[in-house]
Amino acid sequence: MRILNIIFDLGGVVIDLDVKRTYEGFRRLFGEDVMNLEHGYLRSSLQTDYEIGAIDSEEFLDGLEALALEGVTRQDIIDAWNAMLIGIPKERALTLESLSGKYRIFILSNTNSIHEECFERMLPGHEKLSDIFEKAYYSHRIGCRKPDPEAFKVVLEGSGLKPEETLFVDDLELNIEAAKKLNLHTLHVMQNMEIADIFKDW
């Protein structure tokens, strides 16, 4: 059966990421001791809770501020948190615009409110990145995150998609394997793969 629908991950697929930029920023804001603590941010549930909407941006930032060095502002934390979001190359944006005229295209992303506010402004010529997709399913809005099967089911059931007619595109093998178990077609975008090239003849 031919593909009628495409579900895209965002980070590492649609948006270029450099997570090291955020790690480096956090080291400056929190210091090496905090970054290495077993109960510190990177090993806590703070990010997970934020990504599933269990806590809001204020609670998330409060949690980080409590770990920060003296003199660090809330805006410093936001800037470091957003530093991982690099942008969307023009060729990729044009590819997505082209696909949107031929397929039903969607976003399924593990993300959060602060990142959403940042990346929604990254697509030139559009008020919001999500405008070129039929619907965006963000983890903090749907209350679950990949690879939880429930995240995929929210998209399939919410938009009336049949797995056998749907391609899921992600850069993490864990998410790809979860999608396969629900009988979706999958495309694992690995390092140095570009969706503008992959989909140029679609």
N, C-alpha and C. Protein backbone atom coordinates (compact mmCIF):
# COMPACT_ATOMS: atom_id res chain seq x y z
N MET A 1 0.85 -1.21 0.00
CA MET A 1 0.00 0.00 0.00
C MET A 1 0.88 1.25 0.00
N ARG A 2 0.53 2.24 -0.78
CA ARG A 2 1.39 3.42 -0.90
C ARG A 2 1.28 4.34 0.31
N ILE A 3 2.31 5.12 0.51
CA ILE A 3 2.37 6.06 1.63
C ILE A 3 1.49 7.28 1.33
N LEU A 4 0.61 7.59 2.27
CA LEU A 4 -0.25 8.77 2.15
C LEU A 4 0.09 9.83 3.20
N ASN A 5 0.73 9.39 4.29
CA ASN A 5 0.97 10.27 5.44
C ASN A 5 2.43 10.15 5.88
N ILE A 6 3.00 11.26 6.33
CA ILE A 6 4.37 11.25 6.85
C ILE A 6 4.39 11.98 8.19
N ILE A 7 4.93 11.30 9.20
CA ILE A 7 5.09 11.89 10.53
C ILE A 7 6.57 12.18 10.75
N PHE A 8 6.90 13.43 10.96
CA PHE A 8 8.29 13.84 11.14
C PHE A 8 8.61 14.13 12.60
N ASP A 9 9.76 13.66 13.04
CA ASP A 9 10.38 14.17 14.25
C ASP A 9 10.92 15.56 13.92
N LEU A 10 11.20 16.36 14.94
CA LEU A 10 11.77 17.70 14.69
C LEU A 10 13.29 17.73 14.82
N GLY A 11 13.79 17.62 16.05
CA GLY A 11 15.22 17.75 16.28
C GLY A 11 16.03 16.66 15.62
N GLY A 12 17.01 17.06 14.80
CA GLY A 12 17.84 16.11 14.09
C GLY A 12 17.25 15.62 12.79
N VAL A 13 16.04 16.05 12.49
CA VAL A 13 15.37 15.68 11.24
C VAL A 13 14.95 16.95 10.50
N VAL A 14 14.06 17.72 11.10
CA VAL A 14 13.61 18.99 10.51
C VAL A 14 14.53 20.13 10.95
N ILE A 15 14.84 20.16 12.23
CA ILE A 15 15.67 21.22 12.80
C ILE A 15 17.07 20.68 13.10
N ASP A 16 18.10 21.40 12.69
CA ASP A 16 19.46 21.03 13.06
C ASP A 16 19.68 21.28 14.55
N LEU A 17 20.30 20.30 15.20
CA LEU A 17 20.56 20.39 16.64
C LEU A 17 22.06 20.31 16.92
N ASP A 18 22.47 20.98 18.00
CA ASP A 18 23.81 20.80 18.54
C ASP A 18 23.67 20.84 20.06
N VAL A 19 23.38 19.68 20.64
CA VAL A 19 23.11 19.59 22.08
C VAL A 19 24.32 20.02 22.90
N LYS A 20 25.51 19.87 22.35
CA LYS A 20 26.72 20.26 23.08
C LYS A 20 26.70 21.75 23.43
N ARG A 21 26.07 22.55 22.60
CA ARG A 21 25.99 23.99 22.89
C ARG A 21 25.23 24.25 24.20
N THR A 22 24.18 23.47 24.42
CA THR A 22 23.43 23.62 25.67
C THR A 22 24.22 23.07 26.85
N TYR A 23 24.86 21.91 26.68
CA TYR A 23 25.69 21.36 27.75
C TYR A 23 26.78 22.35 28.17
N GLU A 24 27.43 22.95 27.17
CA GLU A 24 28.50 23.91 27.47
C GLU A 24 27.95 25.13 28.19
N GLY A 25 26.79 25.59 27.75
CA GLY A 25 26.16 26.73 28.41
C GLY A 25 25.79 26.40 29.84
N PHE A 26 25.28 25.21 30.07
CA PHE A 26 24.91 24.80 31.42
C PHE A 26 26.13 24.67 32.33
N ARG A 27 27.24 24.23 31.79
CA ARG A 27 28.45 24.13 32.60
C ARG A 27 28.87 25.51 33.11
N ARG A 28 28.72 26.51 32.26
CA ARG A 28 29.05 27.88 32.67
C ARG A 28 28.07 28.40 33.72
N LEU A 29 26.81 28.02 33.59
CA LEU A 29 25.78 28.55 34.48
C LEU A 29 25.68 27.80 35.80
N PHE A 30 25.99 26.49 35.77
CA PHE A 30 25.80 25.66 36.96
C PHE A 30 27.10 25.17 37.59
N GLY A 31 28.18 25.17 36.81
CA GLY A 31 29.45 24.67 37.32
C GLY A 31 29.58 23.17 37.16
N GLU A 32 30.80 22.70 37.13
CA GLU A 32 31.06 21.27 36.91
C GLU A 32 30.48 20.40 38.01
N ASP A 33 30.52 20.87 39.26
CA ASP A 33 30.04 20.05 40.37
C ASP A 33 28.57 19.70 40.20
N VAL A 34 27.76 20.69 39.88
CA VAL A 34 26.33 20.44 39.71
C VAL A 34 26.09 19.57 38.49
N MET A 35 26.81 19.81 37.41
CA MET A 35 26.61 19.03 36.19
C MET A 35 26.93 17.56 36.41
N ASN A 36 27.81 17.27 37.36
CA ASN A 36 28.23 15.89 37.59
C ASN A 36 27.47 15.20 38.72
N LEU A 37 26.61 15.93 39.41
CA LEU A 37 25.86 15.32 40.52
C LEU A 37 24.93 14.23 40.02
N GLU A 38 24.86 13.15 40.77
CA GLU A 38 23.97 12.04 40.40
C GLU A 38 22.52 12.51 40.39
N HIS A 39 22.18 13.45 41.29
CA HIS A 39 20.80 13.93 41.37
C HIS A 39 20.63 15.26 40.62
N GLY A 40 21.66 15.65 39.87
CA GLY A 40 21.60 16.92 39.15
C GLY A 40 20.65 16.89 37.97
N TYR A 41 20.57 18.02 37.30
CA TYR A 41 19.59 18.20 36.22
C TYR A 41 19.60 17.08 35.19
N LEU A 42 20.79 16.74 34.70
CA LEU A 42 20.86 15.80 33.58
C LEU A 42 20.44 14.39 33.96
N ARG A 43 20.40 14.09 35.26
CA ARG A 43 19.98 12.75 35.68
C ARG A 43 18.69 12.82 36.49
N SER A 44 18.02 13.91 36.44
CA SER A 44 16.78 14.06 37.21
C SER A 44 15.59 13.88 36.29
N SER A 45 14.41 13.95 36.89
CA SER A 45 13.19 13.83 36.10
C SER A 45 12.72 15.20 35.61
N LEU A 46 13.48 16.24 35.87
CA LEU A 46 13.05 17.60 35.54
C LEU A 46 12.74 17.75 34.06
N GLN A 47 13.66 17.32 33.21
CA GLN A 47 13.45 17.45 31.77
C GLN A 47 12.29 16.59 31.30
N THR A 48 12.24 15.34 31.78
CA THR A 48 11.15 14.45 31.37
C THR A 48 9.80 15.01 31.79
N ASP A 49 9.71 15.48 33.03
CA ASP A 49 8.45 16.05 33.51
C ASP A 49 8.04 17.26 32.67
N TYR A 50 9.03 18.05 32.28
CA TYR A 50 8.75 19.23 31.47
C TYR A 50 8.28 18.82 30.08
N GLU A 51 8.90 17.79 29.52
CA GLU A 51 8.56 17.36 28.16
C GLU A 51 7.18 16.70 28.06
N ILE A 52 6.65 16.20 29.17
CA ILE A 52 5.31 15.61 29.10
C ILE A 52 4.26 16.55 29.71
N GLY A 53 4.67 17.77 30.02
CA GLY A 53 3.73 18.75 30.53
C GLY A 53 3.33 18.55 31.97
N ALA A 54 4.08 17.72 32.72
CA ALA A 54 3.77 17.50 34.13
C ALA A 54 4.13 18.73 34.96
N ILE A 55 5.10 19.51 34.47
CA ILE A 55 5.42 20.80 35.08
C ILE A 55 5.44 21.85 33.97
N ASP A 56 5.21 23.10 34.34
CA ASP A 56 5.21 24.17 33.33
C ASP A 56 6.58 24.85 33.27
N SER A 57 6.68 25.85 32.42
CA SER A 57 7.97 26.52 32.23
C SER A 57 8.48 27.19 33.50
N GLU A 58 7.56 27.77 34.28
CA GLU A 58 7.98 28.43 35.51
C GLU A 58 8.59 27.43 36.48
N GLU A 59 7.96 26.27 36.62
CA GLU A 59 8.48 25.24 37.53
C GLU A 59 9.81 24.68 37.02
N PHE A 60 9.91 24.50 35.72
CA PHE A 60 11.15 24.02 35.12
C PHE A 60 12.29 24.99 35.38
N LEU A 61 12.04 26.27 35.13
CA LEU A 61 13.08 27.28 35.33
C LEU A 61 13.40 27.48 36.80
N ASP A 62 12.39 27.36 37.66
CA ASP A 62 12.64 27.43 39.10
C ASP A 62 13.61 26.33 39.53
N GLY A 63 13.39 25.12 38.99
CA GLY A 63 14.25 23.99 39.32
C GLY A 63 15.68 24.22 38.88
N LEU A 64 15.85 24.82 37.70
CA LEU A 64 17.20 25.10 37.21
C LEU A 64 17.85 26.26 37.96
N GLU A 65 17.06 27.27 38.26
CA GLU A 65 17.61 28.43 38.99
C GLU A 65 18.16 28.01 40.35
N ALA A 66 17.52 27.02 40.96
CA ALA A 66 17.97 26.55 42.27
C ALA A 66 19.36 25.92 42.20
N LEU A 67 19.76 25.48 41.01
CA LEU A 67 21.07 24.85 40.82
C LEU A 67 22.13 25.82 40.30
N ALA A 68 21.70 26.99 39.85
CA ALA A 68 22.60 27.90 39.14
C ALA A 68 23.58 28.61 40.07
N LEU A 69 24.69 29.04 39.47
CA LEU A 69 25.67 29.83 40.20
C LEU A 69 25.11 31.22 40.49
N GLU A 70 25.71 31.89 41.44
CA GLU A 70 25.26 33.23 41.81
C GLU A 70 25.38 34.18 40.62
N GLY A 71 24.36 35.00 40.43
CA GLY A 71 24.39 36.00 39.36
C GLY A 71 23.78 35.54 38.06
N VAL A 72 23.45 34.25 37.96
CA VAL A 72 22.83 33.72 36.73
C VAL A 72 21.37 34.13 36.68
N THR A 73 20.95 34.67 35.56
CA THR A 73 19.56 35.11 35.41
C THR A 73 18.71 34.04 34.73
N ARG A 74 17.42 34.22 34.83
CA ARG A 74 16.49 33.29 34.17
C ARG A 74 16.69 33.33 32.66
N GLN A 75 16.95 34.51 32.11
CA GLN A 75 17.17 34.64 30.67
C GLN A 75 18.45 33.92 30.25
N ASP A 76 19.47 33.93 31.11
CA ASP A 76 20.70 33.18 30.82
C ASP A 76 20.37 31.70 30.64
N ILE A 77 19.51 31.18 31.50
CA ILE A 77 19.13 29.76 31.44
C ILE A 77 18.34 29.47 30.17
N ILE A 78 17.40 30.35 29.85
CA ILE A 78 16.60 30.17 28.63
C ILE A 78 17.50 30.19 27.40
N ASP A 79 18.44 31.14 27.35
CA ASP A 79 19.34 31.24 26.20
C ASP A 79 20.19 29.98 26.05
N ALA A 80 20.69 29.45 27.16
CA ALA A 80 21.50 28.22 27.10
C ALA A 80 20.64 27.03 26.70
N TRP A 81 19.42 26.99 27.19
CA TRP A 81 18.49 25.90 26.87
C TRP A 81 18.16 25.90 25.38
N ASN A 82 18.00 27.07 24.81
CA ASN A 82 17.66 27.19 23.38
C ASN A 82 18.88 27.10 22.47
N ALA A 83 20.08 27.13 23.03
CA ALA A 83 21.29 27.17 22.21
C ALA A 83 21.44 25.94 21.32
N MET A 84 20.83 24.83 21.71
CA MET A 84 20.93 23.59 20.92
C MET A 84 20.16 23.68 19.61
N LEU A 85 19.20 24.60 19.50
CA LEU A 85 18.36 24.72 18.31
C LEU A 85 19.07 25.60 17.28
N ILE A 86 19.58 24.99 16.23
CA ILE A 86 20.41 25.71 15.26
C ILE A 86 19.59 26.38 14.16
N GLY A 87 18.66 25.66 13.56
CA GLY A 87 17.86 26.25 12.50
C GLY A 87 17.43 25.22 11.47
N ILE A 88 16.78 25.71 10.41
CA ILE A 88 16.27 24.86 9.33
C ILE A 88 16.85 25.36 8.01
N PRO A 89 17.69 24.56 7.35
CA PRO A 89 18.24 24.97 6.06
C PRO A 89 17.13 25.22 5.03
N LYS A 90 17.37 26.19 4.15
CA LYS A 90 16.35 26.58 3.16
C LYS A 90 15.90 25.41 2.31
N GLU A 91 16.85 24.58 1.87
CA GLU A 91 16.51 23.44 1.00
C GLU A 91 15.56 22.48 1.70
N ARG A 92 15.78 22.29 2.99
CA ARG A 92 14.92 21.40 3.77
C ARG A 92 13.52 22.00 3.91
N ALA A 93 13.47 23.29 4.15
CA ALA A 93 12.17 23.97 4.26
C ALA A 93 11.38 23.84 2.97
N LEU A 94 12.05 24.01 1.84
CA LEU A 94 11.38 23.88 0.54
C LEU A 94 10.88 22.46 0.31
N THR A 95 11.65 21.48 0.76
CA THR A 95 11.24 20.08 0.63
C THR A 95 9.97 19.82 1.42
N LEU A 96 9.92 20.32 2.64
CA LEU A 96 8.73 20.13 3.48
C LEU A 96 7.51 20.82 2.87
N GLU A 97 7.71 22.01 2.33
CA GLU A 97 6.61 22.71 1.68
C GLU A 97 6.09 21.91 0.49
N SER A 98 7.00 21.31 -0.27
CA SER A 98 6.60 20.49 -1.41
C SER A 98 5.84 19.25 -0.96
N LEU A 99 6.34 18.59 0.07
CA LEU A 99 5.68 17.38 0.57
C LEU A 99 4.28 17.68 1.11
N SER A 100 4.12 18.87 1.68
CA SER A 100 2.82 19.21 2.27
C SER A 100 1.72 19.31 1.22
N GLY A 101 2.11 19.48 -0.05
CA GLY A 101 1.12 19.54 -1.12
C GLY A 101 0.78 18.18 -1.70
N LYS A 102 1.53 17.16 -1.29
CA LYS A 102 1.34 15.82 -1.85
C LYS A 102 0.93 14.78 -0.81
N TYR A 103 1.26 15.05 0.44
CA TYR A 103 0.99 14.10 1.52
C TYR A 103 0.37 14.84 2.70
N ARG A 104 -0.24 14.08 3.59
CA ARG A 104 -0.63 14.63 4.89
C ARG A 104 0.62 14.52 5.76
N ILE A 105 1.16 15.65 6.19
CA ILE A 105 2.40 15.61 6.97
C ILE A 105 2.16 16.16 8.38
N PHE A 106 2.85 15.54 9.33
CA PHE A 106 2.64 15.82 10.75
C PHE A 106 3.98 15.91 11.47
N ILE A 107 3.95 16.50 12.66
CA ILE A 107 5.09 16.51 13.57
C ILE A 107 4.74 15.67 14.80
N LEU A 108 5.68 14.83 15.23
CA LEU A 108 5.60 14.19 16.55
C LEU A 108 6.96 14.40 17.20
N SER A 109 7.01 15.24 18.21
CA SER A 109 8.30 15.64 18.78
C SER A 109 8.28 15.63 20.30
N ASN A 110 9.36 15.10 20.88
CA ASN A 110 9.59 15.26 22.31
C ASN A 110 10.18 16.65 22.51
N THR A 111 9.38 17.55 23.07
CA THR A 111 9.84 18.94 23.18
C THR A 111 9.19 19.60 24.39
N ASN A 112 9.22 20.91 24.43
CA ASN A 112 8.75 21.65 25.61
C ASN A 112 8.36 23.06 25.19
N SER A 113 7.73 23.77 26.10
CA SER A 113 7.17 25.09 25.77
C SER A 113 8.23 26.12 25.37
N ILE A 114 9.35 26.13 26.07
CA ILE A 114 10.40 27.12 25.76
C ILE A 114 10.97 26.86 24.37
N HIS A 115 11.26 25.60 24.07
CA HIS A 115 11.76 25.27 22.73
C HIS A 115 10.72 25.55 21.66
N GLU A 116 9.47 25.24 21.95
CA GLU A 116 8.42 25.49 20.96
C GLU A 116 8.38 26.97 20.57
N GLU A 117 8.44 27.83 21.56
CA GLU A 117 8.40 29.27 21.29
C GLU A 117 9.57 29.69 20.41
N CYS A 118 10.71 29.04 20.59
CA CYS A 118 11.91 29.37 19.81
C CYS A 118 11.83 28.81 18.39
N PHE A 119 11.58 27.50 18.24
CA PHE A 119 11.67 26.90 16.90
C PHE A 119 10.49 27.24 16.01
N GLU A 120 9.36 27.63 16.59
CA GLU A 120 8.22 28.00 15.75
C GLU A 120 8.52 29.22 14.89
N ARG A 121 9.53 29.99 15.27
CA ARG A 121 9.89 31.20 14.51
C ARG A 121 11.02 30.95 13.51
N MET A 122 11.41 29.70 13.32
CA MET A 122 12.61 29.40 12.53
C MET A 122 12.38 29.20 11.04
N LEU A 123 11.14 29.14 10.60
CA LEU A 123 10.89 28.84 9.19
C LEU A 123 10.64 30.13 8.41
N PRO A 124 11.58 30.52 7.55
CA PRO A 124 11.43 31.76 6.78
C PRO A 124 10.15 31.75 5.93
N GLY A 125 9.46 32.87 5.92
CA GLY A 125 8.27 32.98 5.09
C GLY A 125 7.01 32.46 5.74
N HIS A 126 7.11 31.95 6.95
CA HIS A 126 5.95 31.42 7.65
C HIS A 126 5.93 31.99 9.07
N GLU A 127 4.74 32.31 9.53
CA GLU A 127 4.62 32.83 10.89
C GLU A 127 5.03 31.77 11.91
N LYS A 128 4.65 30.52 11.62
CA LYS A 128 4.98 29.42 12.53
C LYS A 128 5.45 28.21 11.73
N LEU A 129 6.45 27.52 12.24
CA LEU A 129 6.94 26.29 11.62
C LEU A 129 5.81 25.30 11.41
N SER A 130 4.96 25.14 12.40
CA SER A 130 3.89 24.13 12.33
C SER A 130 2.84 24.45 11.28
N ASP A 131 2.86 25.67 10.71
CA ASP A 131 1.86 26.05 9.71
C ASP A 131 1.91 25.17 8.47
N ILE A 132 3.09 24.62 8.13
CA ILE A 132 3.17 23.82 6.90
C ILE A 132 2.80 22.36 7.14
N PHE A 133 2.54 22.00 8.40
CA PHE A 133 2.11 20.65 8.73
C PHE A 133 0.62 20.64 9.02
N GLU A 134 -0.02 19.51 8.73
CA GLU A 134 -1.45 19.42 9.03
C GLU A 134 -1.70 19.58 10.52
N LYS A 135 -0.84 18.96 11.32
CA LYS A 135 -0.96 19.10 12.77
C LYS A 135 0.37 18.77 13.43
N ALA A 136 0.68 19.49 14.50
CA ALA A 136 1.88 19.23 15.29
C ALA A 136 1.49 18.61 16.61
N TYR A 137 2.10 17.47 16.91
CA TYR A 137 1.89 16.79 18.18
C TYR A 137 3.16 16.94 19.00
N TYR A 138 3.12 17.84 19.98
CA TYR A 138 4.27 18.09 20.84
C TYR A 138 4.06 17.38 22.18
N SER A 139 5.10 16.71 22.66
CA SER A 139 4.97 15.87 23.86
C SER A 139 4.39 16.62 25.05
N HIS A 140 4.80 17.87 25.24
CA HIS A 140 4.31 18.61 26.41
C HIS A 140 2.84 18.97 26.28
N ARG A 141 2.31 18.87 25.08
CA ARG A 141 0.88 19.15 24.87
C ARG A 141 0.03 17.89 24.91
N ILE A 142 0.62 16.76 24.52
CA ILE A 142 -0.17 15.51 24.47
C ILE A 142 0.04 14.65 25.72
N GLY A 143 0.99 15.02 26.58
CA GLY A 143 1.15 14.33 27.85
C GLY A 143 1.92 13.03 27.79
N CYS A 144 2.61 12.76 26.70
CA CYS A 144 3.44 11.56 26.59
C CYS A 144 4.51 11.81 25.54
N ARG A 145 5.54 10.97 25.57
CA ARG A 145 6.68 11.20 24.68
C ARG A 145 7.15 9.88 24.08
N LYS A 146 7.79 9.99 22.92
CA LYS A 146 8.39 8.81 22.30
C LYS A 146 9.51 8.29 23.21
N PRO A 147 9.74 6.99 23.28
CA PRO A 147 9.14 5.91 22.46
C PRO A 147 7.88 5.29 23.04
N ASP A 148 7.22 5.94 23.98
CA ASP A 148 5.97 5.42 24.52
C ASP A 148 4.98 5.18 23.38
N PRO A 149 4.45 3.97 23.23
CA PRO A 149 3.49 3.69 22.15
C PRO A 149 2.31 4.65 22.15
N GLU A 150 1.96 5.15 23.33
CA GLU A 150 0.81 6.05 23.43
C GLU A 150 1.02 7.31 22.61
N ALA A 151 2.26 7.79 22.51
CA ALA A 151 2.54 9.00 21.72
C ALA A 151 2.18 8.79 20.26
N PHE A 152 2.53 7.62 19.73
CA PHE A 152 2.20 7.31 18.33
C PHE A 152 0.70 7.14 18.16
N LYS A 153 0.07 6.51 19.14
CA LYS A 153 -1.37 6.28 19.05
C LYS A 153 -2.15 7.59 19.06
N VAL A 154 -1.65 8.57 19.82
CA VAL A 154 -2.31 9.88 19.83
C VAL A 154 -2.36 10.47 18.43
N VAL A 155 -1.26 10.34 17.69
CA VAL A 155 -1.20 10.86 16.32
C VAL A 155 -2.10 10.05 15.39
N LEU A 156 -1.95 8.75 15.43
CA LEU A 156 -2.72 7.89 14.52
C LEU A 156 -4.22 8.04 14.74
N GLU A 157 -4.63 7.98 15.99
CA GLU A 157 -6.06 8.08 16.30
C GLU A 157 -6.57 9.51 16.17
N GLY A 158 -5.75 10.47 16.58
CA GLY A 158 -6.17 11.87 16.53
C GLY A 158 -6.37 12.39 15.12
N SER A 159 -5.60 11.86 14.18
CA SER A 159 -5.70 12.33 12.79
C SER A 159 -6.25 11.27 11.84
N GLY A 160 -6.71 10.16 12.39
CA GLY A 160 -7.34 9.12 11.57
C GLY A 160 -6.40 8.49 10.56
N LEU A 161 -5.18 8.17 10.99
CA LEU A 161 -4.18 7.60 10.09
C LEU A 161 -4.10 6.09 10.24
N LYS A 162 -3.90 5.41 9.11
CA LYS A 162 -3.66 3.97 9.13
C LYS A 162 -2.15 3.74 9.13
N PRO A 163 -1.64 2.91 10.04
CA PRO A 163 -0.19 2.68 10.10
C PRO A 163 0.41 2.23 8.77
N GLU A 164 -0.32 1.38 8.05
CA GLU A 164 0.22 0.84 6.80
C GLU A 164 0.31 1.89 5.69
N GLU A 165 -0.32 3.04 5.89
CA GLU A 165 -0.25 4.14 4.92
C GLU A 165 0.64 5.29 5.40
N THR A 166 1.34 5.05 6.52
CA THR A 166 2.04 6.14 7.21
C THR A 166 3.52 5.86 7.38
N LEU A 167 4.35 6.85 7.04
CA LEU A 167 5.80 6.78 7.22
C LEU A 167 6.19 7.63 8.42
N PHE A 168 6.98 7.06 9.32
CA PHE A 168 7.49 7.79 10.48
C PHE A 168 8.98 8.04 10.28
N VAL A 169 9.40 9.29 10.43
CA VAL A 169 10.79 9.71 10.18
C VAL A 169 11.40 10.25 11.46
N ASP A 170 12.49 9.61 11.92
CA ASP A 170 13.10 10.00 13.19
C ASP A 170 14.60 9.70 13.13
N ASP A 171 15.37 10.36 14.00
CA ASP A 171 16.81 10.12 14.02
C ASP A 171 17.26 9.18 15.13
N LEU A 172 16.34 8.73 15.98
CA LEU A 172 16.71 7.85 17.08
C LEU A 172 16.17 6.44 16.86
N GLU A 173 17.07 5.47 16.93
CA GLU A 173 16.68 4.08 16.67
C GLU A 173 15.60 3.60 17.64
N LEU A 174 15.67 4.04 18.90
CA LEU A 174 14.69 3.64 19.90
C LEU A 174 13.28 4.02 19.46
N ASN A 175 13.13 5.20 18.90
CA ASN A 175 11.82 5.65 18.43
C ASN A 175 11.39 4.91 17.16
N ILE A 176 12.34 4.64 16.30
CA ILE A 176 12.06 3.88 15.07
C ILE A 176 11.55 2.49 15.42
N GLU A 177 12.20 1.82 16.37
CA GLU A 177 11.78 0.48 16.76
C GLU A 177 10.39 0.49 17.38
N ALA A 178 10.09 1.52 18.16
CA ALA A 178 8.76 1.63 18.76
C ALA A 178 7.70 1.80 17.69
N ALA A 179 8.00 2.59 16.66
CA ALA A 179 7.05 2.80 15.56
C ALA A 179 6.82 1.52 14.77
N LYS A 180 7.88 0.76 14.56
CA LYS A 180 7.75 -0.50 13.82
C LYS A 180 6.80 -1.47 14.52
N LYS A 181 6.82 -1.47 15.85
CA LYS A 181 5.94 -2.36 16.61
C LYS A 181 4.47 -2.02 16.42
N LEU A 182 4.20 -0.80 15.97
CA LEU A 182 2.83 -0.38 15.69
C LEU A 182 2.52 -0.46 14.20
N ASN A 183 3.44 -1.10 13.46
CA ASN A 183 3.26 -1.36 12.02
C ASN A 183 3.35 -0.13 11.14
N LEU A 184 4.00 0.92 11.63
CA LEU A 184 4.27 2.07 10.76
C LEU A 184 5.47 1.76 9.88
N HIS A 185 5.49 2.32 8.69
CA HIS A 185 6.70 2.34 7.88
C HIS A 185 7.65 3.33 8.55
N THR A 186 8.95 3.08 8.45
CA THR A 186 9.90 3.95 9.15
C THR A 186 11.07 4.35 8.26
N LEU A 187 11.62 5.49 8.59
CA LEU A 187 12.85 5.97 7.96
C LEU A 187 13.75 6.50 9.07
N HIS A 188 14.88 5.84 9.27
CA HIS A 188 15.84 6.24 10.30
C HIS A 188 16.83 7.22 9.68
N VAL A 189 16.72 8.49 10.04
CA VAL A 189 17.63 9.52 9.53
C VAL A 189 18.90 9.49 10.37
N MET A 190 19.97 9.04 9.76
CA MET A 190 21.24 8.93 10.46
C MET A 190 22.12 10.14 10.15
N GLN A 191 23.24 10.23 10.86
CA GLN A 191 24.14 11.37 10.69
C GLN A 191 24.55 11.52 9.22
N ASN A 192 24.55 12.75 8.76
CA ASN A 192 24.92 13.11 7.39
C ASN A 192 23.85 12.74 6.35
N MET A 193 22.69 12.28 6.80
CA MET A 193 21.56 12.09 5.88
C MET A 193 20.73 13.36 5.88
N GLU A 194 20.25 13.76 4.72
CA GLU A 194 19.51 15.01 4.57
C GLU A 194 18.15 14.71 3.97
N ILE A 195 17.08 15.13 4.64
CA ILE A 195 15.74 14.81 4.12
C ILE A 195 15.45 15.50 2.80
N ALA A 196 16.13 16.61 2.53
CA ALA A 196 15.95 17.25 1.22
C ALA A 196 16.40 16.33 0.10
N ASP A 197 17.44 15.52 0.36
CA ASP A 197 17.91 14.55 -0.63
C ASP A 197 17.02 13.30 -0.64
N ILE A 198 16.65 12.84 0.53
CA ILE A 198 15.84 11.62 0.64
C ILE A 198 14.51 11.77 -0.08
N PHE A 199 13.89 12.93 0.07
CA PHE A 199 12.54 13.12 -0.45
C PHE A 199 12.50 13.92 -1.76
N LYS A 200 13.62 14.10 -2.41
CA LYS A 200 13.64 14.98 -3.60
C LYS A 200 12.77 14.46 -4.74
N ASP A 201 12.56 13.15 -4.82
CA ASP A 201 11.76 12.59 -5.91
C ASP A 201 10.37 12.15 -5.46
N TRP A 202 9.98 12.54 -4.25
CA TRP A 202 8.66 12.15 -3.76
C TRP A 202 7.60 13.10 -4.32
